[in-house]
Amino acid sequence: MKKKEFVTQDLLSKIYQSEPGEQRKLPPERALAAEYGVSRFTIRQALEKLASIGVVRIVQGSGIWINDNIRSNPLVYNSITEKRFDQIQFRMVKLHKKLPGVEEQQVFGIEPGAFIWQFCRLRLVDGAPVQIEISSMPVSLFPDLNQQVIERSLQQYVLARGYRISHMLTSYRAVSVSREQAVLLGCKKGSPAMHIANRGILEGGRVFEISDIIDINYTCTYVIPFNQDNLAFRQGTQGV
């Protein structure tokens, strides 16, 4: 593990190790650099990452403040959501309407003759392509979907149309990059990647998007409460 990543993980762990209200600030950069035996630049990189995922606030002249509500909520961030929006760009590859297949009819709850949008876009971080995303959305919900929308935040677009997003259902599996995907991503065929299947659900239960993503630089971190009931269920001791 790189020094920056170790410092980030260790600081995050220490924040969650303390009780709410017990520790409101982190030590200054100079003290942290001495504690970890690294440069202040490395410390600054780690702190910027913690700030980008909402764990701390860096206030010039005041210090590094821990956000008050961070310990009371689960924290999940990945190699995309830890980035600022100005570090992420989208590039549309294609967009077209199509009739839904049987599975798409079932997922979206639409009739066979109701059209859906299907589009492919690249997600670039710091100017380099890292993801291919192929998505589908019902035309009836989003009749004005276009290239400008696709090359921005889809969730912001959905919210701007007056819908309320309830849940995101996501699953992961390891894959290898195909020849066609390698051309778009600028990597070698057979490179390791993560396949991410997403389903976006509106309040009321309707699915507004399904997507399949290939990511060649995926990392993910979870900080979640311990689930005693789940452990008991897996051990077969629940209710005993």
C-alpha atoms as a PDB file:
ATOM      1  CA  MET A   1       0.000   0.000   0.000  1.00  0.00           C
ATOM      2  CA  LYS A   2       1.300   3.446  -0.934  1.00  0.00           C
ATOM      3  CA  LYS A   3       2.142   5.814   1.925  1.00  0.00           C
ATOM      4  CA  LYS A   4      -0.639   8.228   0.966  1.00  0.00           C
ATOM      5  CA  GLU A   5      -3.201   5.417   0.981  1.00  0.00           C
ATOM      6  CA  PHE A   6      -1.951   4.051   4.318  1.00  0.00           C
ATOM      7  CA  VAL A   7      -2.156   7.484   5.968  1.00  0.00           C
ATOM      8  CA  THR A   8      -5.665   8.031   4.565  1.00  0.00           C
ATOM      9  CA  GLN A   9      -6.908   4.647   5.809  1.00  0.00           C
ATOM     10  CA  ASP A  10      -5.245   5.027   9.213  1.00  0.00           C
ATOM     11  CA  LEU A  11      -6.617   8.525   9.806  1.00  0.00           C
ATOM     12  CA  LEU A  12     -10.072   7.344   8.764  1.00  0.00           C
ATOM     13  CA  SER A  13      -9.791   4.418  11.168  1.00  0.00           C
ATOM     14  CA  LYS A  14      -8.718   6.677  14.044  1.00  0.00           C
ATOM     15  CA  ILE A  15     -11.636   9.027  13.380  1.00  0.00           C
ATOM     16  CA  TYR A  16     -14.076   6.120  13.721  1.00  0.00           C
ATOM     17  CA  GLN A  17     -12.203   4.707  16.720  1.00  0.00           C
ATOM     18  CA  SER A  18     -13.040   7.801  18.776  1.00  0.00           C
ATOM     19  CA  GLU A  19     -16.472   8.540  20.197  1.00  0.00           C
ATOM     20  CA  PRO A  20     -18.624  11.357  18.731  1.00  0.00           C
ATOM     21  CA  GLY A  21     -17.605  14.654  20.334  1.00  0.00           C
ATOM     22  CA  GLU A  22     -14.394  13.152  21.722  1.00  0.00           C
ATOM     23  CA  GLN A  23     -12.154  14.293  18.870  1.00  0.00           C
ATOM     24  CA  ARG A  24     -13.227  17.296  16.802  1.00  0.00           C
ATOM     25  CA  LYS A  25      -9.922  18.132  15.071  1.00  0.00           C
ATOM     26  CA  LEU A  26      -6.957  16.284  13.636  1.00  0.00           C
ATOM     27  CA  PRO A  27      -3.404  17.320  14.514  1.00  0.00           C
ATOM     28  CA  PRO A  28      -1.796  19.877  12.162  1.00  0.00           C
ATOM     29  CA  GLU A  29       0.037  18.763   9.010  1.00  0.00           C
ATOM     30  CA  ARG A  30       3.490  19.140  10.550  1.00  0.00           C
ATOM     31  CA  ALA A  31       2.596  16.915  13.529  1.00  0.00           C
ATOM     32  CA  LEU A  32       0.994  14.283  11.291  1.00  0.00           C
ATOM     33  CA  ALA A  33       4.040  14.225   9.012  1.00  0.00           C
ATOM     34  CA  ALA A  34       6.285  13.592  12.027  1.00  0.00           C
ATOM     35  CA  GLU A  35       3.924  10.916  13.409  1.00  0.00           C
ATOM     36  CA  TYR A  36       3.812   8.946  10.151  1.00  0.00           C
ATOM     37  CA  GLY A  37       7.372   9.661   9.042  1.00  0.00           C
ATOM     38  CA  VAL A  38       6.292  11.057   5.668  1.00  0.00           C
ATOM     39  CA  SER A  39       6.459  14.406   3.890  1.00  0.00           C
ATOM     40  CA  ARG A  40       3.912  17.147   4.445  1.00  0.00           C
ATOM     41  CA  PHE A  41       2.991  16.743   0.774  1.00  0.00           C
ATOM     42  CA  THR A  42       1.926  13.126   1.447  1.00  0.00           C
ATOM     43  CA  ILE A  43      -0.093  14.267   4.471  1.00  0.00           C
ATOM     44  CA  ARG A  44      -1.712  16.990   2.388  1.00  0.00           C
ATOM     45  CA  GLN A  45      -2.724  14.444  -0.270  1.00  0.00           C
ATOM     46  CA  ALA A  46      -4.293  12.199   2.379  1.00  0.00           C
ATOM     47  CA  LEU A  47      -6.166  15.106   3.954  1.00  0.00           C
ATOM     48  CA  GLU A  48      -7.430  16.301   0.574  1.00  0.00           C
ATOM     49  CA  LYS A  49      -8.846  12.824  -0.045  1.00  0.00           C
ATOM     50  CA  LEU A  50     -10.588  12.821   3.354  1.00  0.00           C
ATOM     51  CA  ALA A  51     -11.980  16.265   2.557  1.00  0.00           C
ATOM     52  CA  SER A  52     -13.198  15.158  -0.883  1.00  0.00           C
ATOM     53  CA  ILE A  53     -15.279  12.318   0.629  1.00  0.00           C
ATOM     54  CA  GLY A  54     -16.742  14.599   3.309  1.00  0.00           C
ATOM     55  CA  VAL A  55     -14.905  13.313   6.384  1.00  0.00           C
ATOM     56  CA  VAL A  56     -13.007  16.495   7.295  1.00  0.00           C
ATOM     57  CA  ARG A  57     -13.066  20.219   6.562  1.00  0.00           C
ATOM     58  CA  ILE A  58      -9.742  22.013   6.086  1.00  0.00           C
ATOM     59  CA  VAL A  59     -10.166  25.570   7.353  1.00  0.00           C
ATOM     60  CA  GLN A  60      -7.266  27.898   6.599  1.00  0.00           C
ATOM     61  CA  GLY A  61      -5.863  29.284   9.843  1.00  0.00           C
ATOM     62  CA  SER A  62      -8.204  27.144  11.973  1.00  0.00           C
ATOM     63  CA  GLY A  63      -7.192  23.550  11.374  1.00  0.00           C
ATOM     64  CA  ILE A  64      -8.518  20.205  10.137  1.00  0.00           C
ATOM     65  CA  TRP A  65     -12.019  19.723  11.513  1.00  0.00           C
ATOM     66  CA  ILE A  66     -13.836  16.370  11.602  1.00  0.00           C
ATOM     67  CA  ASN A  67     -17.378  16.682  10.275  1.00  0.00           C
ATOM     68  CA  ASP A  68     -19.793  16.263  13.172  1.00  0.00           C
ATOM     69  CA  ASN A  69     -22.148  13.700  11.600  1.00  0.00           C
ATOM     70  CA  ILE A  70     -19.560  11.483   9.912  1.00  0.00           C
ATOM     71  CA  ARG A  71     -19.389   8.847  12.678  1.00  0.00           C
ATOM     72  CA  SER A  72     -23.173   8.389  12.795  1.00  0.00           C
ATOM     73  CA  ASN A  73     -23.526   7.372   9.129  1.00  0.00           C
ATOM     74  CA  PRO A  74     -22.123   4.517   7.024  1.00  0.00           C
ATOM     75  CA  LEU A  75     -19.386   5.699   4.666  1.00  0.00           C
ATOM     76  CA  VAL A  76     -18.899   4.190   1.211  1.00  0.00           C
ATOM     77  CA  TYR A  77     -16.610   5.715  -1.382  1.00  0.00           C
ATOM     78  CA  ASN A  78     -14.836   4.424  -4.458  1.00  0.00           C
ATOM     79  CA  SER A  79     -12.280   5.533  -7.011  1.00  0.00           C
ATOM     80  CA  ILE A  80     -14.942   7.627  -8.786  1.00  0.00           C
ATOM     81  CA  THR A  81     -17.003   9.085  -5.929  1.00  0.00           C
ATOM     82  CA  GLU A  82     -13.870  10.249  -4.121  1.00  0.00           C
ATOM     83  CA  LYS A  83     -13.114  12.538  -7.060  1.00  0.00           C
ATOM     84  CA  ARG A  84     -14.368  16.100  -7.405  1.00  0.00           C
ATOM     85  CA  PHE A  85     -16.737  16.749 -10.304  1.00  0.00           C
ATOM     86  CA  ASP A  86     -14.140  18.980 -11.957  1.00  0.00           C
ATOM     87  CA  GLN A  87     -11.827  15.940 -12.177  1.00  0.00           C
ATOM     88  CA  ILE A  88     -14.434  13.812 -13.996  1.00  0.00           C
ATOM     89  CA  GLN A  89     -15.593  14.136 -17.593  1.00  0.00           C
ATOM     90  CA  PHE A  90     -17.928  12.072 -19.780  1.00  0.00           C
ATOM     91  CA  ARG A  91     -17.692  11.425 -23.495  1.00  0.00           C
ATOM     92  CA  MET A  92     -20.675   9.962 -25.326  1.00  0.00           C
ATOM     93  CA  VAL A  93     -19.846   7.107 -27.710  1.00  0.00           C
ATOM     94  CA  LYS A  94     -23.365   6.424 -29.005  1.00  0.00           C
ATOM     95  CA  LEU A  95     -27.056   7.029 -28.251  1.00  0.00           C
ATOM     96  CA  HIS A  96     -30.118   5.431 -29.834  1.00  0.00           C
ATOM     97  CA  LYS A  97     -33.685   4.294 -29.176  1.00  0.00           C
ATOM     98  CA  LYS A  98     -34.571   0.615 -29.221  1.00  0.00           C
ATOM     99  CA  LEU A  99     -37.410  -1.721 -28.374  1.00  0.00           C
ATOM    100  CA  PRO A 100     -36.886  -3.440 -25.015  1.00  0.00           C
ATOM    101  CA  GLY A 101     -35.986  -7.080 -24.616  1.00  0.00           C
ATOM    102  CA  VAL A 102     -37.919  -9.342 -22.257  1.00  0.00           C
ATOM    103  CA  GLU A 103     -35.626  -8.603 -19.296  1.00  0.00           C
ATOM    104  CA  GLU A 104     -35.765  -4.849 -19.937  1.00  0.00           C
ATOM    105  CA  GLN A 105     -39.568  -4.985 -20.075  1.00  0.00           C
ATOM    106  CA  GLN A 106     -39.564  -6.725 -16.713  1.00  0.00           C
ATOM    107  CA  VAL A 107     -37.065  -4.381 -15.070  1.00  0.00           C
ATOM    108  CA  PHE A 108     -38.654  -1.140 -16.274  1.00  0.00           C
ATOM    109  CA  GLY A 109     -42.246  -2.399 -16.075  1.00  0.00           C
ATOM    110  CA  ILE A 110     -43.033  -1.376 -19.667  1.00  0.00           C
ATOM    111  CA  GLU A 111     -44.897  -2.851 -22.626  1.00  0.00           C
ATOM    112  CA  PRO A 112     -43.054  -4.522 -25.539  1.00  0.00           C
ATOM    113  CA  GLY A 113     -43.716  -1.557 -27.851  1.00  0.00           C
ATOM    114  CA  ALA A 114     -42.458   1.112 -25.426  1.00  0.00           C
ATOM    115  CA  PHE A 115     -39.047   2.406 -26.494  1.00  0.00           C
ATOM    116  CA  ILE A 116     -35.999   2.718 -24.258  1.00  0.00           C
ATOM    117  CA  TRP A 117     -32.857   4.767 -24.677  1.00  0.00           C
ATOM    118  CA  GLN A 118     -29.566   2.919 -24.842  1.00  0.00           C
ATOM    119  CA  PHE A 119     -26.295   4.791 -24.730  1.00  0.00           C
ATOM    120  CA  CYS A 120     -22.606   4.199 -24.238  1.00  0.00           C
ATOM    121  CA  ARG A 121     -20.284   6.740 -22.646  1.00  0.00           C
ATOM    122  CA  LEU A 122     -16.725   6.918 -21.391  1.00  0.00           C
ATOM    123  CA  ARG A 123     -15.933   8.265 -17.961  1.00  0.00           C
ATOM    124  CA  LEU A 124     -12.580  10.052 -17.780  1.00  0.00           C
ATOM    125  CA  VAL A 125     -10.720  10.952 -14.582  1.00  0.00           C
ATOM    126  CA  ASP A 126      -8.045  13.622 -14.873  1.00  0.00           C
ATOM    127  CA  GLY A 127      -8.353  13.291 -18.650  1.00  0.00           C
ATOM    128  CA  ALA A 128      -7.739   9.513 -18.823  1.00  0.00           C
ATOM    129  CA  PRO A 129     -10.535   7.014 -19.660  1.00  0.00           C
ATOM    130  CA  VAL A 130     -11.203   4.604 -16.778  1.00  0.00           C
ATOM    131  CA  GLN A 131     -14.775   3.397 -17.355  1.00  0.00           C
ATOM    132  CA  ILE A 132     -17.074   2.300 -20.148  1.00  0.00           C
ATOM    133  CA  GLU A 133     -20.742   2.607 -19.209  1.00  0.00           C
ATOM    134  CA  ILE A 134     -23.621   1.127 -21.226  1.00  0.00           C
ATOM    135  CA  SER A 135     -26.990   2.266 -19.865  1.00  0.00           C
ATOM    136  CA  SER A 136     -30.697   2.061 -20.635  1.00  0.00           C
ATOM    137  CA  MET A 137     -33.496   4.434 -19.560  1.00  0.00           C
ATOM    138  CA  PRO A 138     -37.224   4.518 -20.449  1.00  0.00           C
ATOM    139  CA  VAL A 139     -38.070   7.056 -23.147  1.00  0.00           C
ATOM    140  CA  SER A 140     -41.447   7.690 -21.465  1.00  0.00           C
ATOM    141  CA  LEU A 141     -39.704   9.061 -18.365  1.00  0.00           C
ATOM    142  CA  PHE A 142     -36.909  10.891 -20.183  1.00  0.00           C
ATOM    143  CA  PRO A 143     -38.095  11.987 -23.646  1.00  0.00           C
ATOM    144  CA  ASP A 144     -35.452  14.721 -23.989  1.00  0.00           C
ATOM    145  CA  LEU A 145     -32.345  12.650 -23.203  1.00  0.00           C
ATOM    146  CA  ASN A 146     -29.483  13.897 -25.408  1.00  0.00           C
ATOM    147  CA  GLN A 147     -25.699  14.093 -25.701  1.00  0.00           C
ATOM    148  CA  GLN A 148     -25.443  17.145 -23.449  1.00  0.00           C
ATOM    149  CA  VAL A 149     -27.250  15.300 -20.647  1.00  0.00           C
ATOM    150  CA  ILE A 150     -25.202  12.122 -21.119  1.00  0.00           C
ATOM    151  CA  GLU A 151     -21.946  14.054 -20.846  1.00  0.00           C
ATOM    152  CA  ARG A 152     -23.010  15.430 -17.461  1.00  0.00           C
ATOM    153  CA  SER A 153     -24.426  13.934 -14.248  1.00  0.00           C
ATOM    154  CA  LEU A 154     -27.377  11.628 -14.965  1.00  0.00           C
ATOM    155  CA  GLN A 155     -28.526  11.729 -11.349  1.00  0.00           C
ATOM    156  CA  GLN A 156     -28.697  15.531 -11.448  1.00  0.00           C
ATOM    157  CA  TYR A 157     -30.717  15.253 -14.667  1.00  0.00           C
ATOM    158  CA  VAL A 158     -33.173  12.814 -13.068  1.00  0.00           C
ATOM    159  CA  LEU A 159     -33.610  15.078 -10.032  1.00  0.00           C
ATOM    160  CA  ALA A 160     -34.028  18.152 -12.247  1.00  0.00           C
ATOM    161  CA  ARG A 161     -36.975  16.443 -13.960  1.00  0.00           C
ATOM    162  CA  GLY A 162     -38.738  16.278 -10.593  1.00  0.00           C
ATOM    163  CA  TYR A 163     -38.121  12.628  -9.745  1.00  0.00           C
ATOM    164  CA  ARG A 164     -36.856  11.508  -6.346  1.00  0.00           C
ATOM    165  CA  ILE A 165     -34.181   8.811  -6.261  1.00  0.00           C
ATOM    166  CA  SER A 166     -34.722   6.194  -3.562  1.00  0.00           C
ATOM    167  CA  HIS A 167     -32.044   3.499  -3.913  1.00  0.00           C
ATOM    168  CA  MET A 168     -29.145   2.312  -6.040  1.00  0.00           C
ATOM    169  CA  LEU A 169     -28.711  -1.463  -6.340  1.00  0.00           C
ATOM    170  CA  THR A 170     -25.136  -2.380  -7.271  1.00  0.00           C
ATOM    171  CA  SER A 171     -23.240  -5.637  -7.781  1.00  0.00           C
ATOM    172  CA  TYR A 172     -19.612  -6.349  -8.699  1.00  0.00           C
ATOM    173  CA  ARG A 173     -17.569  -9.094 -10.337  1.00  0.00           C
ATOM    174  CA  ALA A 174     -14.017  -9.318 -11.647  1.00  0.00           C
ATOM    175  CA  VAL A 175     -13.631  -9.541 -15.445  1.00  0.00           C
ATOM    176  CA  SER A 176     -11.038  -9.122 -18.198  1.00  0.00           C
ATOM    177  CA  VAL A 177     -11.177  -6.332 -20.760  1.00  0.00           C
ATOM    178  CA  SER A 178     -12.301  -7.367 -24.247  1.00  0.00           C
ATOM    179  CA  ARG A 179     -10.589  -6.250 -27.455  1.00  0.00           C
ATOM    180  CA  GLU A 180     -13.330  -3.664 -28.187  1.00  0.00           C
ATOM    181  CA  GLN A 181     -13.240  -2.321 -24.636  1.00  0.00           C
ATOM    182  CA  ALA A 182      -9.444  -2.096 -24.707  1.00  0.00           C
ATOM    183  CA  VAL A 183      -9.603   0.157 -27.771  1.00  0.00           C
ATOM    184  CA  LEU A 184     -11.932   2.610 -25.978  1.00  0.00           C
ATOM    185  CA  LEU A 185     -10.025   2.512 -22.687  1.00  0.00           C
ATOM    186  CA  GLY A 186      -6.536   2.629 -24.192  1.00  0.00           C
ATOM    187  CA  CYS A 187      -5.366  -0.488 -22.349  1.00  0.00           C
ATOM    188  CA  LYS A 188      -4.341  -4.042 -23.255  1.00  0.00           C
ATOM    189  CA  LYS A 189      -6.868  -6.730 -24.124  1.00  0.00           C
ATOM    190  CA  GLY A 190      -7.231  -9.058 -21.128  1.00  0.00           C
ATOM    191  CA  SER A 191      -6.380  -6.372 -18.552  1.00  0.00           C
ATOM    192  CA  PRO A 192      -8.124  -6.951 -15.189  1.00  0.00           C
ATOM    193  CA  ALA A 193     -11.226  -4.859 -14.606  1.00  0.00           C
ATOM    194  CA  MET A 194     -14.344  -4.657 -12.470  1.00  0.00           C
ATOM    195  CA  HIS A 195     -17.787  -5.183 -13.943  1.00  0.00           C
ATOM    196  CA  ILE A 196     -20.291  -3.036 -12.043  1.00  0.00           C
ATOM    197  CA  ALA A 197     -24.017  -3.604 -12.597  1.00  0.00           C
ATOM    198  CA  ASN A 198     -26.204  -0.723 -11.420  1.00  0.00           C
ATOM    199  CA  ARG A 199     -29.959  -0.307 -11.090  1.00  0.00           C
ATOM    200  CA  GLY A 200     -31.390   3.089 -10.108  1.00  0.00           C
ATOM    201  CA  ILE A 201     -34.754   3.084  -8.299  1.00  0.00           C
ATOM    202  CA  LEU A 202     -37.133   6.021  -7.845  1.00  0.00           C
ATOM    203  CA  GLU A 203     -39.334   6.655  -4.823  1.00  0.00           C
ATOM    204  CA  GLY A 204     -42.422   4.571  -5.458  1.00  0.00           C
ATOM    205  CA  GLY A 205     -40.335   1.673  -6.744  1.00  0.00           C
ATOM    206  CA  ARG A 206     -39.931   2.358 -10.465  1.00  0.00           C
ATOM    207  CA  VAL A 207     -36.506   1.644 -12.022  1.00  0.00           C
ATOM    208  CA  PHE A 208     -35.198   4.638 -13.971  1.00  0.00           C
ATOM    209  CA  GLU A 209     -31.862   3.266 -15.194  1.00  0.00           C
ATOM    210  CA  ILE A 210     -29.917   0.056 -15.603  1.00  0.00           C
ATOM    211  CA  SER A 211     -26.233   0.180 -16.470  1.00  0.00           C
ATOM    212  CA  ASP A 212     -23.225  -2.053 -16.970  1.00  0.00           C
ATOM    213  CA  ILE A 213     -19.833  -0.507 -16.266  1.00  0.00           C
ATOM    214  CA  ILE A 214     -16.334  -1.775 -16.987  1.00  0.00           C
ATOM    215  CA  ASP A 215     -13.768  -0.062 -14.738  1.00  0.00           C
ATOM    216  CA  ILE A 216     -10.011  -0.625 -15.114  1.00  0.00           C
ATOM    217  CA  ASN A 217      -9.000   1.313 -12.003  1.00  0.00           C
ATOM    218  CA  TYR A 218     -11.631   0.416  -9.407  1.00  0.00           C
ATOM    219  CA  THR A 219     -11.120   0.605  -5.647  1.00  0.00           C
ATOM    220  CA  CYS A 220     -13.761   0.821  -2.933  1.00  0.00           C
ATOM    221  CA  THR A 221     -13.771   1.507   0.825  1.00  0.00           C
ATOM    222  CA  TYR A 222     -16.621   0.832   3.273  1.00  0.00           C
ATOM    223  CA  VAL A 223     -17.025   1.954   6.876  1.00  0.00           C
ATOM    224  CA  ILE A 224     -20.241   0.392   8.169  1.00  0.00           C
ATOM    225  CA  PRO A 225     -21.637  -0.583  11.598  1.00  0.00           C
ATOM    226  CA  PHE A 226     -21.140  -4.183  12.722  1.00  0.00           C
ATOM    227  CA  ASN A 227     -24.295  -6.226  12.074  1.00  0.00           C
ATOM    228  CA  GLN A 228     -24.757  -8.730  14.904  1.00  0.00           C
ATOM    229  CA  ASP A 229     -28.057 -10.041  13.485  1.00  0.00           C
ATOM    230  CA  ASN A 230     -26.454 -10.843  10.131  1.00  0.00           C
ATOM    231  CA  LEU A 231     -23.620 -12.730  11.831  1.00  0.00           C
ATOM    232  CA  ALA A 232     -26.131 -14.771  13.827  1.00  0.00           C
ATOM    233  CA  PHE A 233     -28.126 -15.531  10.664  1.00  0.00           C
ATOM    234  CA  ARG A 234     -25.033 -16.770   8.829  1.00  0.00           C
ATOM    235  CA  GLN A 235     -24.071 -18.946  11.800  1.00  0.00           C
ATOM    236  CA  GLY A 236     -27.574 -20.385  11.915  1.00  0.00           C
ATOM    237  CA  THR A 237     -28.065 -19.182  15.502  1.00  0.00           C
ATOM    238  CA  GLN A 238     -30.645 -16.475  14.891  1.00  0.00           C
ATOM    239  CA  GLY A 239     -33.600 -16.917  17.190  1.00  0.00           C
ATOM    240  CA  VAL A 240     -31.818 -19.578  19.275  1.00  0.00           C
END
